Amino acid sequence: MILIIMNVIGFIRMGQDKQYAKKRRRRVSERQLFMIALLGGAIGSWIGMRVWRHKTNHRSFTIGIPLLVVVNVGVIYLAITYLN
């Protein structure tokens, strides 16, 4: 359940940051976006990047978020494998 929540948050925060950028408002920090992805929301953040077309020109995001997707999937796999 926590993974679903983190992915929804990642998706929403990417969209919010895009809207804030358009309106020249205070932005969501890159640190927060990466932390959400690290804590299980990488897939939602990656989908948010694609849907909102946000942060797609930032090398740290185009490499970092997909890498965190792999890490998230690996951790989930290990948790399912070794905790059963």
PDB file of N, CA and C in Angstrom:
ATOM      1  N   MET A   1       0.824  -1.203   0.000  1.00  0.00           N
ATOM      2  CA  MET A   1       0.000   0.000   0.000  1.00  0.00           C
ATOM      3  C   MET A   1       0.866   1.264   0.000  1.00  0.00           C
ATOM      4  N   ILE A   2       1.964   1.230   0.774  1.00  0.00           N
ATOM      5  CA  ILE A   2       2.846   2.404   0.847  1.00  0.00           C
ATOM      6  C   ILE A   2       3.458   2.707  -0.517  1.00  0.00           C
ATOM      7  N   LEU A   3       3.753   1.656  -1.297  1.00  0.00           N
ATOM      8  CA  LEU A   3       4.334   1.876  -2.623  1.00  0.00           C
ATOM      9  C   LEU A   3       3.343   2.564  -3.557  1.00  0.00           C
ATOM     10  N   ILE A   4       2.098   2.200  -3.459  1.00  0.00           N
ATOM     11  CA  ILE A   4       1.067   2.854  -4.286  1.00  0.00           C
ATOM     12  C   ILE A   4       0.980   4.331  -3.919  1.00  0.00           C
ATOM     13  N   ILE A   5       0.966   4.610  -2.633  1.00  0.00           N
ATOM     14  CA  ILE A   5       0.883   5.999  -2.165  1.00  0.00           C
ATOM     15  C   ILE A   5       2.093   6.801  -2.626  1.00  0.00           C
ATOM     16  N   MET A   6       3.304   6.234  -2.482  1.00  0.00           N
ATOM     17  CA  MET A   6       4.519   6.950  -2.887  1.00  0.00           C
ATOM     18  C   MET A   6       4.532   7.215  -4.393  1.00  0.00           C
ATOM     19  N   ASN A   7       4.051   6.253  -5.179  1.00  0.00           N
ATOM     20  CA  ASN A   7       4.019   6.456  -6.627  1.00  0.00           C
ATOM     21  C   ASN A   7       3.003   7.511  -7.029  1.00  0.00           C
ATOM     22  N   VAL A   8       1.863   7.543  -6.360  1.00  0.00           N
ATOM     23  CA  VAL A   8       0.870   8.588  -6.626  1.00  0.00           C
ATOM     24  C   VAL A   8       1.450   9.958  -6.249  1.00  0.00           C
ATOM     25  N   ILE A   9       2.120  10.018  -5.104  1.00  0.00           N
ATOM     26  CA  ILE A   9       2.749  11.277  -4.683  1.00  0.00           C
ATOM     27  C   ILE A   9       3.803  11.714  -5.694  1.00  0.00           C
ATOM     28  N   GLY A  10       4.641  10.782  -6.159  1.00  0.00           N
ATOM     29  CA  GLY A  10       5.667  11.110  -7.153  1.00  0.00           C
ATOM     30  C   GLY A  10       5.066  11.671  -8.427  1.00  0.00           C
ATOM     31  N   PHE A  11       4.001  11.030  -8.897  1.00  0.00           N
ATOM     32  CA  PHE A  11       3.320  11.486 -10.106  1.00  0.00           C
ATOM     33  C   PHE A  11       2.747  12.888  -9.909  1.00  0.00           C
ATOM     34  N   ILE A  12       2.052  13.091  -8.796  1.00  0.00           N
ATOM     35  CA  ILE A  12       1.414  14.385  -8.516  1.00  0.00           C
ATOM     36  C   ILE A  12       2.448  15.492  -8.355  1.00  0.00           C
ATOM     37  N   ARG A  13       3.530  15.215  -7.624  1.00  0.00           N
ATOM     38  CA  ARG A  13       4.539  16.258  -7.389  1.00  0.00           C
ATOM     39  C   ARG A  13       5.237  16.675  -8.678  1.00  0.00           C
ATOM     40  N   MET A  14       5.431  15.741  -9.604  1.00  0.00           N
ATOM     41  CA  MET A  14       6.001  16.118 -10.907  1.00  0.00           C
ATOM     42  C   MET A  14       5.056  17.077 -11.622  1.00  0.00           C
ATOM     43  N   GLY A  15       3.770  16.768 -11.599  1.00  0.00           N
ATOM     44  CA  GLY A  15       2.779  17.645 -12.226  1.00  0.00           C
ATOM     45  C   GLY A  15       2.701  18.997 -11.554  1.00  0.00           C
ATOM     46  N   GLN A  16       2.749  18.999 -10.227  1.00  0.00           N
ATOM     47  CA  GLN A  16       2.711  20.268  -9.494  1.00  0.00           C
ATOM     48  C   GLN A  16       3.920  21.122  -9.832  1.00  0.00           C
ATOM     49  N   ASP A  17       5.102  20.514  -9.860  1.00  0.00           N
ATOM     50  CA  ASP A  17       6.307  21.276 -10.158  1.00  0.00           C
ATOM     51  C   ASP A  17       6.242  21.870 -11.558  1.00  0.00           C
ATOM     52  N   LYS A  18       5.700  21.123 -12.491  1.00  0.00           N
ATOM     53  CA  LYS A  18       5.535  21.638 -13.853  1.00  0.00           C
ATOM     54  C   LYS A  18       4.608  22.860 -13.849  1.00  0.00           C
ATOM     55  N   GLN A  19       3.496  22.766 -13.138  1.00  0.00           N
ATOM     56  CA  GLN A  19       2.565  23.893 -13.056  1.00  0.00           C
ATOM     57  C   GLN A  19       3.201  25.092 -12.353  1.00  0.00           C
ATOM     58  N   TYR A  20       3.943  24.827 -11.282  1.00  0.00           N
ATOM     59  CA  TYR A  20       4.627  25.913 -10.576  1.00  0.00           C
ATOM     60  C   TYR A  20       5.625  26.603 -11.498  1.00  0.00           C
ATOM     61  N   ALA A  21       6.322  25.835 -12.315  1.00  0.00           N
ATOM     62  CA  ALA A  21       7.299  26.414 -13.239  1.00  0.00           C
ATOM     63  C   ALA A  21       6.598  27.311 -14.262  1.00  0.00           C
ATOM     64  N   LYS A  22       5.476  26.861 -14.775  1.00  0.00           N
ATOM     65  CA  LYS A  22       4.735  27.664 -15.754  1.00  0.00           C
ATOM     66  C   LYS A  22       4.250  28.975 -15.150  1.00  0.00           C
ATOM     67  N   LYS A  23       3.846  28.931 -13.872  1.00  0.00           N
ATOM     68  CA  LYS A  23       3.299  30.119 -13.212  1.00  0.00           C
ATOM     69  C   LYS A  23       4.359  30.923 -12.479  1.00  0.00           C
ATOM     70  N   ARG A  24       5.621  30.491 -12.628  1.00  0.00           N
ATOM     71  CA  ARG A  24       6.758  31.156 -11.980  1.00  0.00           C
ATOM     72  C   ARG A  24       6.593  31.239 -10.462  1.00  0.00           C
ATOM     73  N   ARG A  25       6.056  30.154  -9.896  1.00  0.00           N
ATOM     74  CA  ARG A  25       5.892  30.053  -8.443  1.00  0.00           C
ATOM     75  C   ARG A  25       7.076  29.305  -7.854  1.00  0.00           C
ATOM     76  N   ARG A  26       7.119  29.264  -6.533  1.00  0.00           N
ATOM     77  CA  ARG A  26       8.166  28.516  -5.838  1.00  0.00           C
ATOM     78  C   ARG A  26       8.051  27.043  -6.209  1.00  0.00           C
ATOM     79  N   ARG A  27       9.171  26.433  -6.591  1.00  0.00           N
ATOM     80  CA  ARG A  27       9.196  25.089  -7.142  1.00  0.00           C
ATOM     81  C   ARG A  27       9.362  24.018  -6.073  1.00  0.00           C
ATOM     82  N   VAL A  28       9.022  22.792  -6.452  1.00  0.00           N
ATOM     83  CA  VAL A  28       9.310  21.618  -5.630  1.00  0.00           C
ATOM     84  C   VAL A  28      10.803  21.354  -5.798  1.00  0.00           C
ATOM     85  N   SER A  29      11.511  21.147  -4.702  1.00  0.00           N
ATOM     86  CA  SER A  29      12.960  20.964  -4.806  1.00  0.00           C
ATOM     87  C   SER A  29      13.292  19.649  -5.502  1.00  0.00           C
ATOM     88  N   GLU A  30      14.404  19.657  -6.234  1.00  0.00           N
ATOM     89  CA  GLU A  30      14.857  18.432  -6.888  1.00  0.00           C
ATOM     90  C   GLU A  30      15.172  17.369  -5.846  1.00  0.00           C
ATOM     91  N   ARG A  31      15.670  17.797  -4.718  1.00  0.00           N
ATOM     92  CA  ARG A  31      15.965  16.859  -3.627  1.00  0.00           C
ATOM     93  C   ARG A  31      14.697  16.116  -3.203  1.00  0.00           C
ATOM     94  N   GLN A  32      13.582  16.856  -3.074  1.00  0.00           N
ATOM     95  CA  GLN A  32      12.321  16.221  -2.684  1.00  0.00           C
ATOM     96  C   GLN A  32      11.833  15.256  -3.759  1.00  0.00           C
ATOM     97  N   LEU A  33      11.960  15.640  -5.017  1.00  0.00           N
ATOM     98  CA  LEU A  33      11.533  14.765  -6.102  1.00  0.00           C
ATOM     99  C   LEU A  33      12.336  13.462  -6.107  1.00  0.00           C
ATOM    100  N   PHE A  34      13.640  13.573  -5.903  1.00  0.00           N
ATOM    101  CA  PHE A  34      14.472  12.367  -5.844  1.00  0.00           C
ATOM    102  C   PHE A  34      14.193  11.541  -4.589  1.00  0.00           C
ATOM    103  N   MET A  35      13.914  12.187  -3.479  1.00  0.00           N
ATOM    104  CA  MET A  35      13.633  11.458  -2.234  1.00  0.00           C
ATOM    105  C   MET A  35      12.350  10.647  -2.364  1.00  0.00           C
ATOM    106  N   ILE A  36      11.344  11.227  -2.980  1.00  0.00           N
ATOM    107  CA  ILE A  36      10.089  10.502  -3.213  1.00  0.00           C
ATOM    108  C   ILE A  36      10.369   9.269  -4.071  1.00  0.00           C
ATOM    109  N   ALA A  37      11.169   9.453  -5.128  1.00  0.00           N
ATOM    110  CA  ALA A  37      11.510   8.332  -6.004  1.00  0.00           C
ATOM    111  C   ALA A  37      12.304   7.267  -5.252  1.00  0.00           C
ATOM    112  N   LEU A  38      13.238   7.687  -4.439  1.00  0.00           N
ATOM    113  CA  LEU A  38      14.063   6.751  -3.672  1.00  0.00           C
ATOM    114  C   LEU A  38      13.234   5.941  -2.685  1.00  0.00           C
ATOM    115  N   LEU A  39      12.232   6.563  -2.104  1.00  0.00           N
ATOM    116  CA  LEU A  39      11.416   5.907  -1.083  1.00  0.00           C
ATOM    117  C   LEU A  39      10.265   5.079  -1.668  1.00  0.00           C
ATOM    118  N   GLY A  40      10.386   4.698  -2.922  1.00  0.00           N
ATOM    119  CA  GLY A  40       9.406   3.797  -3.516  1.00  0.00           C
ATOM    120  C   GLY A  40       8.538   4.404  -4.591  1.00  0.00           C
ATOM    121  N   GLY A  41       8.711   5.684  -4.870  1.00  0.00           N
ATOM    122  CA  GLY A  41       7.848   6.350  -5.849  1.00  0.00           C
ATOM    123  C   GLY A  41       8.492   6.589  -7.202  1.00  0.00           C
ATOM    124  N   ALA A  42       9.490   5.791  -7.548  1.00  0.00           N
ATOM    125  CA  ALA A  42      10.231   6.023  -8.789  1.00  0.00           C
ATOM    126  C   ALA A  42       9.369   5.804 -10.028  1.00  0.00           C
ATOM    127  N   ILE A  43       8.535   4.786 -10.024  1.00  0.00           N
ATOM    128  CA  ILE A  43       7.706   4.509 -11.204  1.00  0.00           C
ATOM    129  C   ILE A  43       6.718   5.650 -11.424  1.00  0.00           C
ATOM    130  N   GLY A  44       6.063   6.106 -10.366  1.00  0.00           N
ATOM    131  CA  GLY A  44       5.141   7.233 -10.480  1.00  0.00           C
ATOM    132  C   GLY A  44       5.842   8.503 -10.916  1.00  0.00           C
ATOM    133  N   SER A  45       7.055   8.728 -10.394  1.00  0.00           N
ATOM    134  CA  SER A  45       7.828   9.907 -10.796  1.00  0.00           C
ATOM    135  C   SER A  45       8.217   9.833 -12.263  1.00  0.00           C
ATOM    136  N   TRP A  46       8.617   8.639 -12.709  1.00  0.00           N
ATOM    137  CA  TRP A  46       9.006   8.459 -14.111  1.00  0.00           C
ATOM    138  C   TRP A  46       7.803   8.670 -15.033  1.00  0.00           C
ATOM    139  N   ILE A  47       6.666   8.109 -14.654  1.00  0.00           N
ATOM    140  CA  ILE A  47       5.447   8.314 -15.451  1.00  0.00           C
ATOM    141  C   ILE A  47       5.077   9.796 -15.458  1.00  0.00           C
ATOM    142  N   GLY A  48       5.201  10.459 -14.304  1.00  0.00           N
ATOM    143  CA  GLY A  48       4.936  11.893 -14.229  1.00  0.00           C
ATOM    144  C   GLY A  48       5.845  12.701 -15.133  1.00  0.00           C
ATOM    145  N   MET A  49       7.123  12.318 -15.195  1.00  0.00           N
ATOM    146  CA  MET A  49       8.054  12.995 -16.102  1.00  0.00           C
ATOM    147  C   MET A  49       7.559  12.896 -17.542  1.00  0.00           C
ATOM    148  N   ARG A  50       7.074  11.732 -17.927  1.00  0.00           N
ATOM    149  CA  ARG A  50       6.622  11.493 -19.302  1.00  0.00           C
ATOM    150  C   ARG A  50       5.287  12.194 -19.585  1.00  0.00           C
ATOM    151  N   VAL A  51       4.334  12.043 -18.685  1.00  0.00           N
ATOM    152  CA  VAL A  51       3.011  12.633 -18.897  1.00  0.00           C
ATOM    153  C   VAL A  51       3.088  14.153 -18.924  1.00  0.00           C
ATOM    154  N   TRP A  52       3.790  14.726 -17.946  1.00  0.00           N
ATOM    155  CA  TRP A  52       3.849  16.186 -17.840  1.00  0.00           C
ATOM    156  C   TRP A  52       4.967  16.786 -18.691  1.00  0.00           C
ATOM    157  N   ARG A  53       5.785  15.920 -19.314  1.00  0.00           N
ATOM    158  CA  ARG A  53       6.967  16.369 -20.070  1.00  0.00           C
ATOM    159  C   ARG A  53       7.809  17.312 -19.214  1.00  0.00           C
ATOM    160  N   HIS A  54       8.146  16.824 -18.052  1.00  0.00           N
ATOM    161  CA  HIS A  54       8.845  17.645 -17.070  1.00  0.00           C
ATOM    162  C   HIS A  54      10.165  17.010 -16.673  1.00  0.00           C
ATOM    163  N   LYS A  55      11.190  17.812 -16.602  1.00  0.00           N
ATOM    164  CA  LYS A  55      12.543  17.400 -16.222  1.00  0.00           C
ATOM    165  C   LYS A  55      13.161  16.443 -17.238  1.00  0.00           C
ATOM    166  N   THR A  56      12.627  16.412 -18.443  1.00  0.00           N
ATOM    167  CA  THR A  56      13.130  15.477 -19.451  1.00  0.00           C
ATOM    168  C   THR A  56      14.422  15.963 -20.108  1.00  0.00           C
ATOM    169  N   ASN A  57      14.802  17.199 -19.893  1.00  0.00           N
ATOM    170  CA  ASN A  57      16.067  17.710 -20.407  1.00  0.00           C
ATOM    171  C   ASN A  57      17.150  17.757 -19.337  1.00  0.00           C
ATOM    172  N   HIS A  58      16.829  17.299 -18.150  1.00  0.00           N
ATOM    173  CA  HIS A  58      17.791  17.289 -17.049  1.00  0.00           C
ATOM    174  C   HIS A  58      18.424  15.909 -16.975  1.00  0.00           C
ATOM    175  N   ARG A  59      19.699  15.847 -17.254  1.00  0.00           N
ATOM    176  CA  ARG A  59      20.412  14.571 -17.290  1.00  0.00           C
ATOM    177  C   ARG A  59      20.285  13.817 -15.971  1.00  0.00           C
ATOM    178  N   SER A  60      20.325  14.541 -14.859  1.00  0.00           N
ATOM    179  CA  SER A  60      20.223  13.875 -13.556  1.00  0.00           C
ATOM    180  C   SER A  60      18.883  13.151 -13.404  1.00  0.00           C
ATOM    181  N   PHE A  61      17.852  13.675 -14.020  1.00  0.00           N
ATOM    182  CA  PHE A  61      16.535  13.043 -13.943  1.00  0.00           C
ATOM    183  C   PHE A  61      16.367  11.955 -14.999  1.00  0.00           C
ATOM    184  N   THR A  62      16.848  12.187 -16.217  1.00  0.00           N
ATOM    185  CA  THR A  62      16.667  11.191 -17.268  1.00  0.00           C
ATOM    186  C   THR A  62      17.480   9.930 -17.005  1.00  0.00           C
ATOM    187  N   ILE A  63      18.529  10.044 -16.223  1.00  0.00           N
ATOM    188  CA  ILE A  63      19.319   8.869 -15.826  1.00  0.00           C
ATOM    189  C   ILE A  63      18.926   8.411 -14.423  1.00  0.00           C
ATOM    190  N   GLY A  64      18.777   9.359 -13.516  1.00  0.00           N
ATOM    191  CA  GLY A  64      18.547   9.037 -12.108  1.00  0.00           C
ATOM    192  C   GLY A  64      17.216   8.376 -11.811  1.00  0.00           C
ATOM    193  N   ILE A  65      16.142   8.880 -12.376  1.00  0.00           N
ATOM    194  CA  ILE A  65      14.822   8.310 -12.085  1.00  0.00           C
ATOM    195  C   ILE A  65      14.697   6.882 -12.639  1.00  0.00           C
ATOM    196  N   PRO A  66      15.081   6.618 -13.900  1.00  0.00           N
ATOM    197  CA  PRO A  66      15.035   5.218 -14.351  1.00  0.00           C
ATOM    198  C   PRO A  66      15.936   4.292 -13.520  1.00  0.00           C
ATOM    199  N   LEU A  67      17.072   4.800 -13.085  1.00  0.00           N
ATOM    200  CA  LEU A  67      17.946   4.004 -12.218  1.00  0.00           C
ATOM    201  C   LEU A  67      17.248   3.684 -10.899  1.00  0.00           C
ATOM    202  N   LEU A  68      16.533   4.646 -10.355  1.00  0.00           N
ATOM    203  CA  LEU A  68      15.781   4.407  -9.118  1.00  0.00           C
ATOM    204  C   LEU A  68      14.601   3.464  -9.343  1.00  0.00           C
ATOM    205  N   VAL A  69      14.051   3.434 -10.551  1.00  0.00           N
ATOM    206  CA  VAL A  69      13.011   2.436 -10.866  1.00  0.00           C
ATOM    207  C   VAL A  69      13.614   1.043 -10.721  1.00  0.00           C
ATOM    208  N   VAL A  70      14.804   0.846 -11.274  1.00  0.00           N
ATOM    209  CA  VAL A  70      15.484  -0.453 -11.172  1.00  0.00           C
ATOM    210  C   VAL A  70      15.754  -0.796  -9.713  1.00  0.00           C
ATOM    211  N   VAL A  71      16.229   0.176  -8.943  1.00  0.00           N
ATOM    212  CA  VAL A  71      16.490  -0.050  -7.512  1.00  0.00           C
ATOM    213  C   VAL A  71      15.200  -0.418  -6.786  1.00  0.00           C
ATOM    214  N   ASN A  72      14.129   0.337  -7.047  1.00  0.00           N
ATOM    215  CA  ASN A  72      12.832   0.049  -6.405  1.00  0.00           C
ATOM    216  C   ASN A  72      12.360  -1.359  -6.723  1.00  0.00           C
ATOM    217  N   VAL A  73      12.425  -1.746  -7.983  1.00  0.00           N
ATOM    218  CA  VAL A  73      11.985  -3.078  -8.393  1.00  0.00           C
ATOM    219  C   VAL A  73      12.861  -4.146  -7.734  1.00  0.00           C
ATOM    220  N   GLY A  74      14.168  -3.897  -7.677  1.00  0.00           N
ATOM    221  CA  GLY A  74      15.075  -4.841  -7.024  1.00  0.00           C
ATOM    222  C   GLY A  74      14.768  -5.021  -5.551  1.00  0.00           C
ATOM    223  N   VAL A  75      14.502  -3.941  -4.854  1.00  0.00           N
ATOM    224  CA  VAL A  75      14.168  -4.014  -3.433  1.00  0.00           C
ATOM    225  C   VAL A  75      12.854  -4.753  -3.224  1.00  0.00           C
ATOM    226  N   ILE A  76      11.875  -4.487  -4.069  1.00  0.00           N
ATOM    227  CA  ILE A  76      10.590  -5.186  -3.973  1.00  0.00           C
ATOM    228  C   ILE A  76      10.795  -6.681  -4.211  1.00  0.00           C
ATOM    229  N   TYR A  77      11.581  -7.020  -5.223  1.00  0.00           N
ATOM    230  CA  TYR A  77      11.861  -8.425  -5.519  1.00  0.00           C
ATOM    231  C   TYR A  77      12.527  -9.115  -4.323  1.00  0.00           C
ATOM    232  N   LEU A  78      13.539  -8.470  -3.767  1.00  0.00           N
ATOM    233  CA  LEU A  78      14.246  -9.049  -2.622  1.00  0.00           C
ATOM    234  C   LEU A  78      13.322  -9.198  -1.409  1.00  0.00           C
ATOM    235  N   ALA A  79      12.473  -8.197  -1.191  1.00  0.00           N
ATOM    236  CA  ALA A  79      11.547  -8.253  -0.067  1.00  0.00           C
ATOM    237  C   ALA A  79      10.553  -9.411  -0.236  1.00  0.00           C
ATOM    238  N   ILE A  80      10.037  -9.576  -1.440  1.00  0.00           N
ATOM    239  CA  ILE A  80       9.088 -10.658  -1.687  1.00  0.00           C
ATOM    240  C   ILE A  80       9.781 -12.019  -1.569  1.00  0.00           C
ATOM    241  N   THR A  81      10.980 -12.111  -2.103  1.00  0.00           N
ATOM    242  CA  THR A  81      11.729 -13.356  -2.111  1.00  0.00           C
ATOM    243  C   THR A  81      12.152 -13.799  -0.712  1.00  0.00           C
ATOM    244  N   TYR A  82      12.696 -12.891   0.064  1.00  0.00           N
ATOM    245  CA  TYR A  82      13.302 -13.261   1.340  1.00  0.00           C
ATOM    246  C   TYR A  82      12.413 -13.071   2.566  1.00  0.00           C
ATOM    247  N   LEU A  83      11.302 -12.393   2.425  1.00  0.00           N
ATOM    248  CA  LEU A  83      10.419 -12.191   3.559  1.00  0.00           C
ATOM    249  C   LEU A  83       9.256 -13.172   3.569  1.00  0.00           C
ATOM    250  N   ASN A  84       9.188 -14.032   2.602  1.00  0.00           N
ATOM    251  CA  ASN A  84       8.125 -15.061   2.558  1.00  0.00           C
ATOM    252  C   ASN A  84       8.604 -16.365   3.104  1.00  0.00           C
TER     253      ASN A  84
END
